[in-house]
Amino acid sequence: MSNTCPTKPADSHILITDDNEQNVELLQAYLEPLGYTLHAASDGLQAVRFVEAANPAPDLILLDVMMPRMSGFEACRAIKNNPATAHIAILMVTALNESSDLERAVEAGTDDFLTKPVARLELVARVKTLLRIAALRKAGLEKDAVIHDLEQRLAEVRQFVNATPEEKAAKMQELASKR
């Protein structure tokens, strides 16, 4: 049975976004031993700009909520509203723990959330789960693209089979001239 998840943790890119450098360092310390490729941003605006410019885009964003220039809620909404980045998994990591705050996070498009202080084991479990889901989603999108391509080719074959002899001869000449 084949595994569609990344074969190596280094294949997974994670963007850690927090305006508190100590929080970034703590999350990095928890995740670095696992071998992920880690990136950092110090506010929501920097995170959105990083995601739009990154190649490859991160597979997962750890996103604080209370930050200058652009909050985590606003950054999450901007990333999820952009069709080119909407697929990126977002884990909000926040000191906010009121149900209304969690509701705002879900409305903004977060995939999951953790409340600070973060327990290492819980962070690692959530990160692994979200990365596994992201890999499966990516594999599904790639399979959808292959299926779409095959459907187009099949339609062309059907069109050729149903063509008149003159249309078939013209198509054969067209193909021969492309060689």
C-alpha atoms as a PDB file:
ATOM      1  CA  MET A   1       0.000   0.000   0.000  1.00  0.00           C
ATOM      2  CA  SER A   2       1.502   3.356  -0.992  1.00  0.00           C
ATOM      3  CA  ASN A   3       1.810   6.242   1.392  1.00  0.00           C
ATOM      4  CA  THR A   4       0.726   9.621   0.000  1.00  0.00           C
ATOM      5  CA  CYS A   5       2.166  11.584   2.924  1.00  0.00           C
ATOM      6  CA  PRO A   6       5.563  13.245   2.625  1.00  0.00           C
ATOM      7  CA  THR A   7       8.291  10.623   2.963  1.00  0.00           C
ATOM      8  CA  LYS A   8      10.538  12.916   4.981  1.00  0.00           C
ATOM      9  CA  PRO A   9       9.589  15.640   7.478  1.00  0.00           C
ATOM     10  CA  ALA A  10      11.924  18.031   5.615  1.00  0.00           C
ATOM     11  CA  ASP A  11       9.437  17.810   2.728  1.00  0.00           C
ATOM     12  CA  SER A  12       7.007  19.737   4.956  1.00  0.00           C
ATOM     13  CA  HIS A  13       7.349  23.501   5.305  1.00  0.00           C
ATOM     14  CA  ILE A  14       5.909  25.198   8.388  1.00  0.00           C
ATOM     15  CA  LEU A  15       5.562  28.956   8.882  1.00  0.00           C
ATOM     16  CA  ILE A  16       5.578  30.034  12.545  1.00  0.00           C
ATOM     17  CA  THR A  17       3.973  33.455  12.989  1.00  0.00           C
ATOM     18  CA  ASP A  18       4.152  35.268  16.320  1.00  0.00           C
ATOM     19  CA  ASP A  19       5.262  38.759  17.324  1.00  0.00           C
ATOM     20  CA  ASN A  20       6.857  37.372  20.498  1.00  0.00           C
ATOM     21  CA  GLU A  21      10.311  36.023  19.618  1.00  0.00           C
ATOM     22  CA  GLN A  22      10.286  33.731  22.679  1.00  0.00           C
ATOM     23  CA  ASN A  23       7.125  32.045  21.447  1.00  0.00           C
ATOM     24  CA  VAL A  24       8.680  31.535  18.001  1.00  0.00           C
ATOM     25  CA  GLU A  25      11.815  30.060  19.584  1.00  0.00           C
ATOM     26  CA  LEU A  26       9.754  27.712  21.777  1.00  0.00           C
ATOM     27  CA  LEU A  27       7.733  26.404  18.829  1.00  0.00           C
ATOM     28  CA  GLN A  28      10.930  26.008  16.807  1.00  0.00           C
ATOM     29  CA  ALA A  29      12.523  24.081  19.677  1.00  0.00           C
ATOM     30  CA  TYR A  30       9.529  21.724  19.754  1.00  0.00           C
ATOM     31  CA  LEU A  31       9.482  21.168  15.983  1.00  0.00           C
ATOM     32  CA  GLU A  32      13.139  21.327  14.875  1.00  0.00           C
ATOM     33  CA  PRO A  33      14.011  17.854  16.231  1.00  0.00           C
ATOM     34  CA  LEU A  34      11.319  16.410  13.954  1.00  0.00           C
ATOM     35  CA  GLY A  35      13.134  17.672  10.851  1.00  0.00           C
ATOM     36  CA  TYR A  36      10.533  20.018   9.389  1.00  0.00           C
ATOM     37  CA  THR A  37      11.673  23.002   7.328  1.00  0.00           C
ATOM     38  CA  LEU A  38      10.728  25.958   9.519  1.00  0.00           C
ATOM     39  CA  HIS A  39      10.181  29.597   8.568  1.00  0.00           C
ATOM     40  CA  ALA A  40       9.195  32.545  10.808  1.00  0.00           C
ATOM     41  CA  ALA A  41       7.149  35.723  10.473  1.00  0.00           C
ATOM     42  CA  SER A  42       6.668  38.358  13.162  1.00  0.00           C
ATOM     43  CA  ASP A  43       3.130  39.492  12.291  1.00  0.00           C
ATOM     44  CA  GLY A  44       0.131  38.639  10.153  1.00  0.00           C
ATOM     45  CA  LEU A  45       1.044  40.944   7.287  1.00  0.00           C
ATOM     46  CA  GLN A  46       4.518  39.443   7.041  1.00  0.00           C
ATOM     47  CA  ALA A  47       2.948  35.955   7.083  1.00  0.00           C
ATOM     48  CA  VAL A  48       0.532  36.789   4.243  1.00  0.00           C
ATOM     49  CA  ARG A  49       3.362  38.273   2.161  1.00  0.00           C
ATOM     50  CA  PHE A  50       5.575  35.239   2.853  1.00  0.00           C
ATOM     51  CA  VAL A  51       2.826  32.814   1.825  1.00  0.00           C
ATOM     52  CA  GLU A  52       2.088  34.712  -1.396  1.00  0.00           C
ATOM     53  CA  ALA A  53       5.786  34.794  -2.377  1.00  0.00           C
ATOM     54  CA  ALA A  54       7.003  31.422  -1.063  1.00  0.00           C
ATOM     55  CA  ASN A  55       7.909  28.639  -3.429  1.00  0.00           C
ATOM     56  CA  PRO A  56       7.072  26.139  -2.202  1.00  0.00           C
ATOM     57  CA  ALA A  57       4.255  27.539  -0.108  1.00  0.00           C
ATOM     58  CA  PRO A  58       4.158  26.336   3.477  1.00  0.00           C
ATOM     59  CA  ASP A  59       2.107  23.220   4.158  1.00  0.00           C
ATOM     60  CA  LEU A  60       1.128  24.536   7.581  1.00  0.00           C
ATOM     61  CA  ILE A  61       1.025  27.907   9.324  1.00  0.00           C
ATOM     62  CA  LEU A  62       1.176  28.246  13.106  1.00  0.00           C
ATOM     63  CA  LEU A  63      -0.518  31.578  13.648  1.00  0.00           C
ATOM     64  CA  ASP A  64      -0.738  33.743  16.760  1.00  0.00           C
ATOM     65  CA  VAL A  65      -3.860  35.895  17.037  1.00  0.00           C
ATOM     66  CA  MET A  66      -2.827  39.096  18.825  1.00  0.00           C
ATOM     67  CA  MET A  67      -0.161  40.740  16.630  1.00  0.00           C
ATOM     68  CA  PRO A  68       0.633  44.242  15.349  1.00  0.00           C
ATOM     69  CA  ARG A  69      -0.179  45.433  11.797  1.00  0.00           C
ATOM     70  CA  MET A  70      -2.453  42.461  11.030  1.00  0.00           C
ATOM     71  CA  SER A  71      -4.047  40.096  13.523  1.00  0.00           C
ATOM     72  CA  GLY A  72      -4.029  36.335  13.143  1.00  0.00           C
ATOM     73  CA  PHE A  73      -7.749  36.463  12.377  1.00  0.00           C
ATOM     74  CA  GLU A  74      -7.147  38.908   9.497  1.00  0.00           C
ATOM     75  CA  ALA A  75      -4.141  36.955   8.202  1.00  0.00           C
ATOM     76  CA  CYS A  76      -6.067  33.689   8.319  1.00  0.00           C
ATOM     77  CA  ARG A  77      -8.973  35.237   6.446  1.00  0.00           C
ATOM     78  CA  ALA A  78      -6.631  36.732   3.801  1.00  0.00           C
ATOM     79  CA  ILE A  79      -4.877  33.389   3.246  1.00  0.00           C
ATOM     80  CA  LYS A  80      -8.091  31.364   3.122  1.00  0.00           C
ATOM     81  CA  ASN A  81      -9.833  33.873   0.799  1.00  0.00           C
ATOM     82  CA  ASN A  82      -7.015  33.665  -1.759  1.00  0.00           C
ATOM     83  CA  PRO A  83      -7.651  30.684  -4.083  1.00  0.00           C
ATOM     84  CA  ALA A  84      -3.883  30.217  -4.540  1.00  0.00           C
ATOM     85  CA  THR A  85      -3.304  29.812  -0.787  1.00  0.00           C
ATOM     86  CA  ALA A  86      -6.663  28.602   0.564  1.00  0.00           C
ATOM     87  CA  HIS A  87      -5.410  24.995   0.737  1.00  0.00           C
ATOM     88  CA  ILE A  88      -2.726  25.813   3.338  1.00  0.00           C
ATOM     89  CA  ALA A  89      -3.523  24.380   6.764  1.00  0.00           C
ATOM     90  CA  ILE A  90      -3.630  26.916   9.603  1.00  0.00           C
ATOM     91  CA  LEU A  91      -3.234  26.125  13.303  1.00  0.00           C
ATOM     92  CA  MET A  92      -4.002  29.151  15.459  1.00  0.00           C
ATOM     93  CA  VAL A  93      -1.911  29.255  18.615  1.00  0.00           C
ATOM     94  CA  THR A  94      -3.386  31.786  20.992  1.00  0.00           C
ATOM     95  CA  ALA A  95      -3.646  32.915  24.590  1.00  0.00           C
ATOM     96  CA  LEU A  96      -7.309  33.691  23.905  1.00  0.00           C
ATOM     97  CA  ASN A  97      -9.550  30.955  25.235  1.00  0.00           C
ATOM     98  CA  GLU A  98     -13.059  32.372  25.259  1.00  0.00           C
ATOM     99  CA  SER A  99     -15.536  30.486  23.110  1.00  0.00           C
ATOM    100  CA  SER A 100     -16.225  33.693  21.155  1.00  0.00           C
ATOM    101  CA  ASP A 101     -12.509  33.915  20.260  1.00  0.00           C
ATOM    102  CA  LEU A 102     -12.470  30.311  19.085  1.00  0.00           C
ATOM    103  CA  GLU A 103     -15.614  30.966  17.075  1.00  0.00           C
ATOM    104  CA  ARG A 104     -13.896  33.953  15.390  1.00  0.00           C
ATOM    105  CA  ALA A 105     -10.930  31.722  14.559  1.00  0.00           C
ATOM    106  CA  VAL A 106     -13.168  29.124  12.928  1.00  0.00           C
ATOM    107  CA  GLU A 107     -15.063  31.841  11.029  1.00  0.00           C
ATOM    108  CA  ALA A 108     -11.727  33.202   9.786  1.00  0.00           C
ATOM    109  CA  GLY A 109     -10.947  29.765   8.342  1.00  0.00           C
ATOM    110  CA  THR A 110      -8.543  28.145  10.790  1.00  0.00           C
ATOM    111  CA  ASP A 111      -8.228  24.383  10.576  1.00  0.00           C
ATOM    112  CA  ASP A 112      -7.451  23.938  14.270  1.00  0.00           C
ATOM    113  CA  PHE A 113      -6.351  25.892  17.331  1.00  0.00           C
ATOM    114  CA  LEU A 114      -4.254  25.490  20.449  1.00  0.00           C
ATOM    115  CA  THR A 115      -4.361  27.569  23.592  1.00  0.00           C
ATOM    116  CA  LYS A 116      -1.135  28.908  25.107  1.00  0.00           C
ATOM    117  CA  PRO A 117       0.812  27.768  26.970  1.00  0.00           C
ATOM    118  CA  VAL A 118       1.331  25.054  24.381  1.00  0.00           C
ATOM    119  CA  ALA A 119       2.088  21.501  25.492  1.00  0.00           C
ATOM    120  CA  ARG A 120       4.799  19.977  23.278  1.00  0.00           C
ATOM    121  CA  LEU A 121       3.046  16.636  22.831  1.00  0.00           C
ATOM    122  CA  GLU A 122      -0.253  18.248  21.847  1.00  0.00           C
ATOM    123  CA  LEU A 123       1.500  20.597  19.394  1.00  0.00           C
ATOM    124  CA  VAL A 124       3.413  17.753  17.766  1.00  0.00           C
ATOM    125  CA  ALA A 125       0.262  15.621  17.468  1.00  0.00           C
ATOM    126  CA  ARG A 126      -1.745  18.437  15.877  1.00  0.00           C
ATOM    127  CA  VAL A 127       1.096  19.389  13.513  1.00  0.00           C
ATOM    128  CA  LYS A 128       1.531  15.791  12.348  1.00  0.00           C
ATOM    129  CA  THR A 129      -2.210  15.393  11.825  1.00  0.00           C
ATOM    130  CA  LEU A 130      -2.591  18.640   9.875  1.00  0.00           C
ATOM    131  CA  LEU A 131       0.443  17.824   7.717  1.00  0.00           C
ATOM    132  CA  ARG A 132      -0.963  14.355   6.992  1.00  0.00           C
ATOM    133  CA  ILE A 133      -4.288  15.918   5.960  1.00  0.00           C
ATOM    134  CA  ALA A 134      -2.456  18.481   3.803  1.00  0.00           C
ATOM    135  CA  ALA A 135      -0.494  15.721   2.055  1.00  0.00           C
ATOM    136  CA  LEU A 136      -3.661  13.717   1.386  1.00  0.00           C
ATOM    137  CA  ARG A 137      -5.418  16.833   0.071  1.00  0.00           C
ATOM    138  CA  LYS A 138      -2.465  17.562  -2.244  1.00  0.00           C
ATOM    139  CA  ALA A 139      -2.430  13.958  -3.483  1.00  0.00           C
ATOM    140  CA  GLY A 140      -6.155  14.199  -4.163  1.00  0.00           C
ATOM    141  CA  LEU A 141      -5.725  17.412  -6.141  1.00  0.00           C
ATOM    142  CA  GLU A 142      -2.933  15.840  -8.188  1.00  0.00           C
ATOM    143  CA  LYS A 143      -5.107  12.799  -8.917  1.00  0.00           C
ATOM    144  CA  ASP A 144      -7.987  15.102  -9.903  1.00  0.00           C
ATOM    145  CA  ALA A 145      -5.695  16.867 -12.393  1.00  0.00           C
ATOM    146  CA  VAL A 146      -4.619  13.534 -13.903  1.00  0.00           C
ATOM    147  CA  ILE A 147      -8.238  12.390 -14.157  1.00  0.00           C
ATOM    148  CA  HIS A 148      -9.192  15.683 -15.842  1.00  0.00           C
ATOM    149  CA  ASP A 149      -6.351  15.286 -18.353  1.00  0.00           C
ATOM    150  CA  LEU A 150      -7.365  11.690 -19.106  1.00  0.00           C
ATOM    151  CA  GLU A 151     -10.997  12.728 -19.560  1.00  0.00           C
ATOM    152  CA  GLN A 152      -9.918  15.392 -22.083  1.00  0.00           C
ATOM    153  CA  ARG A 153      -7.831  12.844 -24.001  1.00  0.00           C
ATOM    154  CA  LEU A 154     -10.704  10.357 -23.983  1.00  0.00           C
ATOM    155  CA  ALA A 155     -13.036  13.041 -25.365  1.00  0.00           C
ATOM    156  CA  GLU A 156     -10.532  13.701 -28.176  1.00  0.00           C
ATOM    157  CA  VAL A 157     -10.362   9.967 -28.972  1.00  0.00           C
ATOM    158  CA  ARG A 158     -14.160   9.715 -29.003  1.00  0.00           C
ATOM    159  CA  GLN A 159     -14.349  12.745 -31.285  1.00  0.00           C
ATOM    160  CA  PHE A 160     -11.857  11.099 -33.647  1.00  0.00           C
ATOM    161  CA  VAL A 161     -13.713   7.761 -33.624  1.00  0.00           C
ATOM    162  CA  ASN A 162     -17.000   9.500 -34.440  1.00  0.00           C
ATOM    163  CA  ALA A 163     -15.478  11.731 -37.136  1.00  0.00           C
ATOM    164  CA  THR A 164     -16.157  11.364 -40.838  1.00  0.00           C
ATOM    165  CA  PRO A 165     -13.438   9.776 -42.985  1.00  0.00           C
ATOM    166  CA  GLU A 166     -12.522  13.243 -44.308  1.00  0.00           C
ATOM    167  CA  GLU A 167     -12.181  14.651 -40.760  1.00  0.00           C
ATOM    168  CA  LYS A 168     -10.044  11.666 -39.775  1.00  0.00           C
ATOM    169  CA  ALA A 169      -7.763  12.179 -42.788  1.00  0.00           C
ATOM    170  CA  ALA A 170      -7.395  15.883 -41.954  1.00  0.00           C
ATOM    171  CA  LYS A 171      -6.572  15.086 -38.330  1.00  0.00           C
ATOM    172  CA  MET A 172      -3.996  12.493 -39.393  1.00  0.00           C
ATOM    173  CA  GLN A 173      -2.338  15.051 -41.704  1.00  0.00           C
ATOM    174  CA  GLU A 174      -2.327  17.609 -38.870  1.00  0.00           C
ATOM    175  CA  LEU A 175      -0.653  15.133 -36.513  1.00  0.00           C
ATOM    176  CA  ALA A 176       1.890  14.114 -39.159  1.00  0.00           C
ATOM    177  CA  SER A 177       2.866  17.741 -39.794  1.00  0.00           C
ATOM    178  CA  LYS A 178       3.578  18.268 -36.064  1.00  0.00           C
ATOM    179  CA  ARG A 179       6.263  15.569 -36.052  1.00  0.00           C
END
